[in-house]
N, C-alpha and C. Protein backbone atom coordinates (compact mmCIF):
# COMPACT_ATOMS: atom_id res chain seq x y z
N MET A 1 -100.81 36.36 5.39
CA MET A 1 -100.54 34.86 5.79
C MET A 1 -101.11 34.16 7.43
N ALA A 2 -101.68 33.16 7.44
CA ALA A 2 -102.05 32.74 8.76
C ALA A 2 -100.82 32.22 9.78
N GLN A 3 -100.65 32.48 11.04
CA GLN A 3 -100.02 32.13 11.81
C GLN A 3 -100.09 30.49 11.63
N LEU A 4 -99.09 29.70 12.21
CA LEU A 4 -99.13 28.40 12.36
C LEU A 4 -99.82 28.28 13.85
N ALA A 5 -100.50 27.08 13.83
CA ALA A 5 -101.26 26.86 15.21
C ALA A 5 -100.04 25.83 16.04
N PRO A 6 -100.31 26.25 17.64
CA PRO A 6 -99.19 25.33 18.02
C PRO A 6 -99.58 24.01 17.54
N GLY A 7 -98.48 23.32 17.95
CA GLY A 7 -98.82 21.63 17.11
C GLY A 7 -99.06 21.45 15.72
N ASP A 8 -99.02 22.36 14.77
CA ASP A 8 -99.25 22.67 13.51
C ASP A 8 -97.70 22.29 12.68
N ILE A 9 -97.45 21.02 12.13
CA ILE A 9 -96.25 20.43 12.09
C ILE A 9 -96.05 21.84 10.44
N GLY A 10 -97.01 22.23 9.74
CA GLY A 10 -96.65 23.22 8.92
C GLY A 10 -96.16 22.33 7.75
N ASN A 11 -96.05 22.76 6.48
CA ASN A 11 -95.63 22.47 5.15
C ASN A 11 -94.40 23.40 4.66
N ILE A 12 -93.38 22.58 4.06
CA ILE A 12 -92.26 23.73 3.66
C ILE A 12 -92.77 24.33 2.08
N CYS A 13 -92.70 25.79 2.46
CA CYS A 13 -92.88 26.25 1.02
C CYS A 13 -91.54 27.13 0.36
N ARG A 14 -91.19 26.71 -0.69
CA ARG A 14 -89.55 27.08 -0.90
C ARG A 14 -89.98 28.19 -2.22
N CYS A 15 -89.65 29.15 -1.95
CA CYS A 15 -89.60 30.28 -2.99
C CYS A 15 -88.54 30.53 -3.91
N LEU A 16 -88.78 30.33 -5.13
CA LEU A 16 -87.27 30.48 -5.96
C LEU A 16 -87.62 31.68 -6.79
N CYS A 17 -86.60 32.64 -6.75
CA CYS A 17 -87.02 34.22 -7.22
C CYS A 17 -85.95 34.67 -8.14
N GLY A 18 -86.40 34.72 -9.31
CA GLY A 18 -85.66 35.20 -10.43
C GLY A 18 -84.20 33.84 -11.04
N ASP A 19 -83.50 34.50 -11.35
CA ASP A 19 -82.06 33.39 -11.86
C ASP A 19 -81.03 33.16 -10.84
N GLY A 20 -80.75 33.96 -9.86
CA GLY A 20 -79.89 33.62 -9.17
C GLY A 20 -80.46 32.92 -8.08
N VAL A 21 -78.96 31.88 -7.45
CA VAL A 21 -79.69 31.39 -6.39
C VAL A 21 -79.51 32.36 -4.95
N LEU A 22 -80.27 32.40 -4.06
CA LEU A 22 -80.25 33.51 -3.03
C LEU A 22 -80.56 32.63 -1.93
N GLY A 23 -80.31 33.25 -0.54
CA GLY A 23 -79.84 32.89 0.40
C GLY A 23 -81.68 32.05 1.06
N ASN A 24 -81.90 31.95 2.12
CA ASN A 24 -82.66 31.31 2.54
C ASN A 24 -84.20 31.75 2.04
N THR A 25 -85.11 31.02 1.34
CA THR A 25 -86.29 31.44 0.96
C THR A 25 -87.16 30.62 1.32
N THR A 26 -87.28 30.00 2.76
CA THR A 26 -88.10 29.11 2.98
C THR A 26 -89.35 29.89 4.03
N ILE A 27 -90.52 29.38 3.83
CA ILE A 27 -91.47 29.63 4.65
C ILE A 27 -92.50 28.45 5.23
N LEU A 28 -92.74 28.50 6.30
CA LEU A 28 -93.50 27.30 6.94
C LEU A 28 -95.09 28.00 6.32
N VAL A 29 -95.80 26.81 5.88
CA VAL A 29 -97.39 27.46 5.82
C VAL A 29 -98.07 26.28 6.28
N SER A 30 -99.37 26.62 6.90
CA SER A 30 -100.23 25.68 7.64
C SER A 30 -100.49 24.45 6.82
N ALA A 31 -100.43 23.42 7.76
CA ALA A 31 -100.37 21.80 7.06
C ALA A 31 -102.38 21.86 7.00
N ALA A 32 -102.85 22.72 7.54
CA ALA A 32 -104.30 22.18 7.50
C ALA A 32 -104.77 22.98 6.17
N ASN A 33 -104.44 23.47 5.39
CA ASN A 33 -104.68 23.65 4.02
C ASN A 33 -104.07 23.29 2.95
N GLY A 34 -103.28 22.41 3.44
CA GLY A 34 -102.21 21.64 2.48
C GLY A 34 -101.07 22.69 1.83
N CYS A 35 -101.12 22.69 0.50
CA CYS A 35 -100.22 23.44 -0.02
C CYS A 35 -100.58 25.19 -0.60
N LYS A 36 -102.09 25.02 -0.37
CA LYS A 36 -102.78 26.29 -1.02
C LYS A 36 -102.43 27.20 -0.76
N ASP A 37 -101.56 27.59 0.74
CA ASP A 37 -101.02 28.81 0.94
C ASP A 37 -100.04 29.02 0.67
N CYS A 38 -98.94 28.16 -0.50
CA CYS A 38 -97.86 28.47 -1.01
C CYS A 38 -98.13 28.92 -2.19
N THR A 39 -98.16 30.49 -2.72
CA THR A 39 -98.07 30.91 -3.42
C THR A 39 -97.13 32.28 -4.11
N VAL A 40 -97.02 32.26 -5.28
CA VAL A 40 -96.38 33.65 -5.40
C VAL A 40 -96.32 34.81 -4.83
N LYS A 41 -97.41 35.10 -4.52
CA LYS A 41 -98.28 36.15 -3.75
C LYS A 41 -97.54 36.29 -2.26
N VAL A 42 -97.47 35.08 -1.69
CA VAL A 42 -96.86 35.15 -0.46
C VAL A 42 -95.33 35.24 -0.42
N CYS A 43 -94.73 34.52 -1.45
CA CYS A 43 -93.10 34.87 -1.78
C CYS A 43 -93.07 36.04 -2.01
N ARG A 44 -93.95 36.95 -2.89
CA ARG A 44 -93.28 38.53 -2.89
C ARG A 44 -93.67 39.18 -1.62
N GLU A 45 -94.89 39.01 -1.07
CA GLU A 45 -94.91 39.44 0.39
C GLU A 45 -93.90 39.49 1.31
N GLN A 46 -93.08 38.08 1.77
CA GLN A 46 -92.26 37.90 2.30
C GLN A 46 -91.03 38.19 2.17
N PHE A 47 -90.89 38.35 0.83
CA PHE A 47 -89.20 38.19 0.35
C PHE A 47 -89.06 39.30 -0.69
N THR A 48 -88.33 40.80 -0.10
CA THR A 48 -88.20 41.85 -1.37
C THR A 48 -87.50 41.58 -2.47
N HIS A 49 -86.98 40.58 -2.50
CA HIS A 49 -85.60 40.17 -3.72
C HIS A 49 -86.90 39.26 -4.85
N CYS A 50 -88.08 38.60 -4.07
CA CYS A 50 -88.83 37.90 -5.34
C CYS A 50 -90.03 39.30 -5.59
N ASP A 51 -90.43 40.11 -4.85
CA ASP A 51 -90.92 41.26 -5.58
C ASP A 51 -90.37 41.71 -6.91
N LEU A 52 -88.96 42.01 -6.38
CA LEU A 52 -88.28 42.97 -7.32
C LEU A 52 -88.04 41.72 -8.58
N ALA A 53 -87.55 40.87 -8.44
CA ALA A 53 -87.38 39.88 -9.63
C ALA A 53 -88.81 39.34 -10.76
N ASP A 54 -90.01 39.79 -9.90
CA ASP A 54 -91.08 39.74 -10.28
C ASP A 54 -91.65 40.89 -11.17
N ILE A 55 -91.15 42.02 -10.72
CA ILE A 55 -91.29 43.42 -11.07
C ILE A 55 -90.58 43.49 -12.55
N GLN A 56 -89.02 43.35 -12.48
CA GLN A 56 -88.40 43.19 -13.33
C GLN A 56 -88.42 42.20 -14.57
N GLY A 57 -89.39 41.32 -14.47
CA GLY A 57 -89.65 40.24 -15.54
C GLY A 57 -88.87 38.53 -15.20
N GLY A 58 -88.54 38.84 -14.15
CA GLY A 58 -87.84 37.42 -13.88
C GLY A 58 -88.79 36.54 -13.03
N SER A 59 -88.62 35.44 -13.32
CA SER A 59 -89.61 34.20 -12.82
C SER A 59 -89.62 33.85 -11.31
N VAL A 60 -90.90 33.94 -10.78
CA VAL A 60 -90.92 33.68 -9.35
C VAL A 60 -91.84 32.23 -9.42
N SER A 61 -91.28 31.24 -8.81
CA SER A 61 -91.92 30.34 -8.87
C SER A 61 -91.86 29.53 -7.16
N VAL A 62 -92.70 28.44 -6.95
CA VAL A 62 -92.76 28.20 -5.73
C VAL A 62 -93.07 26.56 -5.83
N HIS A 63 -92.18 25.93 -4.75
CA HIS A 63 -92.47 24.59 -4.63
C HIS A 63 -92.73 23.99 -2.93
N CYS A 64 -93.75 23.65 -2.79
CA CYS A 64 -94.05 22.98 -1.78
C CYS A 64 -94.06 21.37 -1.26
N ILE A 65 -93.55 21.51 0.00
CA ILE A 65 -93.37 20.04 0.47
C ILE A 65 -94.70 19.62 1.32
N ASP A 66 -95.71 18.92 0.95
CA ASP A 66 -96.42 18.53 2.11
C ASP A 66 -96.00 17.46 2.92
N ARG A 67 -95.74 17.90 4.33
CA ARG A 67 -95.06 17.32 5.21
C ARG A 67 -96.13 15.84 5.72
N SER A 68 -97.29 16.26 5.64
CA SER A 68 -98.28 15.21 6.25
C SER A 68 -98.63 14.07 5.10
N ALA A 69 -98.35 14.34 4.16
CA ALA A 69 -98.57 13.29 2.86
C ALA A 69 -97.99 12.12 3.47
N LEU A 70 -98.80 10.78 2.94
CA LEU A 70 -98.54 9.63 3.17
C LEU A 70 -97.13 8.97 2.20
N THR A 71 -96.52 9.59 1.06
CA THR A 71 -95.32 9.08 0.39
C THR A 71 -93.77 9.57 0.93
N PRO A 72 -93.89 10.71 1.43
CA PRO A 72 -92.57 11.24 2.13
C PRO A 72 -92.93 10.17 3.57
N ARG A 73 -93.77 10.25 4.16
CA ARG A 73 -93.58 9.40 5.54
C ARG A 73 -93.03 8.25 5.05
N ILE A 74 -93.45 7.44 3.85
CA ILE A 74 -93.01 6.16 3.47
C ILE A 74 -91.67 6.13 3.47
N ALA A 75 -91.25 6.85 2.38
CA ALA A 75 -89.88 7.28 1.71
C ALA A 75 -89.14 7.14 3.01
N VAL A 76 -89.30 8.07 4.38
CA VAL A 76 -88.05 8.27 5.26
C VAL A 76 -88.15 6.86 5.87
N ALA A 77 -89.37 6.27 6.53
CA ALA A 77 -89.71 5.16 7.37
C ALA A 77 -88.46 4.04 6.50
N SER A 78 -88.61 3.91 5.32
CA SER A 78 -88.28 2.79 4.53
C SER A 78 -86.55 3.03 4.98
N LEU A 79 -86.13 4.15 4.45
CA LEU A 79 -84.68 4.36 4.36
C LEU A 79 -84.24 4.16 6.03
N LEU A 80 -84.96 4.60 7.02
CA LEU A 80 -84.38 4.14 8.58
C LEU A 80 -84.44 2.95 8.92
N VAL A 81 -85.51 2.02 8.07
CA VAL A 81 -85.42 0.54 8.63
C VAL A 81 -84.08 -0.07 7.52
N ILE A 82 -83.91 0.20 6.62
CA ILE A 82 -82.86 -0.09 5.89
C ILE A 82 -81.41 0.21 6.56
N VAL A 83 -81.36 1.36 7.17
CA VAL A 83 -80.28 1.57 7.42
C VAL A 83 -80.16 0.62 8.76
N PHE A 84 -81.10 0.37 9.65
CA PHE A 84 -80.91 -0.11 10.80
C PHE A 84 -80.78 -1.81 10.59
N LEU A 85 -81.38 -2.44 9.69
CA LEU A 85 -81.19 -3.44 9.01
C LEU A 85 -79.63 -3.71 8.62
N LEU A 86 -79.05 -3.09 8.18
CA LEU A 86 -77.48 -2.89 7.49
C LEU A 86 -76.58 -2.74 8.94
N VAL A 87 -76.98 -1.87 9.54
CA VAL A 87 -76.37 -1.70 11.02
C VAL A 87 -76.42 -3.10 11.64
N VAL A 88 -77.54 -3.61 12.17
CA VAL A 88 -77.64 -5.12 12.81
C VAL A 88 -76.62 -6.03 12.06
N THR A 89 -77.19 -5.93 10.46
CA THR A 89 -76.46 -7.09 9.92
C THR A 89 -74.71 -6.95 10.11
N ALA A 90 -74.14 -5.79 9.86
CA ALA A 90 -72.76 -5.62 9.84
C ALA A 90 -72.07 -5.93 11.73
N LEU A 91 -73.03 -5.33 12.74
CA LEU A 91 -72.60 -5.57 13.78
C LEU A 91 -72.82 -7.18 14.21
N GLY A 92 -73.46 -7.62 13.82
CA GLY A 92 -74.12 -8.98 14.16
C GLY A 92 -73.42 -10.44 13.32
N ARG A 93 -72.63 -9.96 12.48
CA ARG A 93 -72.16 -10.83 11.28
C ARG A 93 -71.28 -12.05 11.93
N GLU A 94 -70.52 -11.93 13.06
CA GLU A 94 -69.62 -12.59 13.62
C GLU A 94 -70.34 -13.14 14.92
N ARG A 95 -71.74 -13.27 15.40
CA ARG A 95 -72.48 -13.49 16.28
C ARG A 95 -73.37 -14.81 15.75
N CYS A 96 -73.57 -14.39 14.60
CA CYS A 96 -75.04 -15.29 14.18
C CYS A 96 -74.70 -15.68 13.13
N ARG A 97 -74.97 -17.38 12.40
CA ARG A 97 -73.98 -17.34 11.27
C ARG A 97 -75.92 -17.11 9.99
N PRO A 98 -76.66 -16.83 9.97
CA PRO A 98 -77.37 -16.27 8.88
C PRO A 98 -76.96 -14.96 8.77
N LEU A 99 -76.56 -14.38 9.89
CA LEU A 99 -76.57 -12.73 9.61
C LEU A 99 -74.92 -12.60 8.65
N ARG A 100 -73.87 -13.83 8.74
CA ARG A 100 -73.02 -13.98 8.37
C ARG A 100 -73.24 -13.95 6.66
N LYS A 101 -74.15 -14.94 6.33
CA LYS A 101 -74.50 -15.21 5.14
C LYS A 101 -74.72 -14.15 4.74
N LEU A 102 -76.11 -13.46 5.10
CA LEU A 102 -76.22 -12.10 4.58
C LEU A 102 -75.52 -11.25 4.10
N HIS A 103 -74.77 -10.78 4.96
CA HIS A 103 -73.27 -9.99 5.19
C HIS A 103 -72.74 -10.22 3.86
N GLU A 104 -72.44 -11.63 3.68
CA GLU A 104 -71.40 -11.97 2.18
C GLU A 104 -72.42 -12.00 0.89
N ALA A 105 -73.57 -12.22 1.25
CA ALA A 105 -74.47 -12.00 -0.05
C ALA A 105 -74.68 -10.75 -0.40
N ILE A 106 -74.54 -9.42 0.21
CA ILE A 106 -74.62 -8.06 -0.08
C ILE A 106 -73.10 -7.65 -0.52
N GLY A 107 -72.25 -8.46 -0.49
CA GLY A 107 -71.19 -8.06 -1.38
C GLY A 107 -69.90 -7.69 -0.42
N HIS A 108 -69.91 -8.37 0.78
CA HIS A 108 -68.84 -7.94 1.80
C HIS A 108 -67.93 -9.28 1.60
N ARG A 109 -66.62 -8.96 1.71
CA ARG A 109 -65.69 -10.21 1.71
C ARG A 109 -64.73 -10.11 3.03
N ASP A 110 -64.36 -10.80 4.07
CA ASP A 110 -63.59 -10.65 4.75
C ASP A 110 -62.00 -10.90 4.00
């Protein structure tokens, strides 16, 4: 498996080995190749219990989160904006009449 280059944020590759829930089975793979480096072979090489699960007939599966994809970035940014607006509304409701009306409109009553 290739090493991450400096500045490469990496994608998260989660290995699910066998039936039981095991400890940390997460690997960072290079973002340059997307999720192509997140394979069962890599999981078997990195974690011995994945190799044992594969030999004993258990399932080994992988899940990759592409951190450079647009969808996760939009989701996180949207949540941050919503939280910021809710905090501003709650803190400024006494100082500004439109914020007080907005605060009451989302269901809060004094």
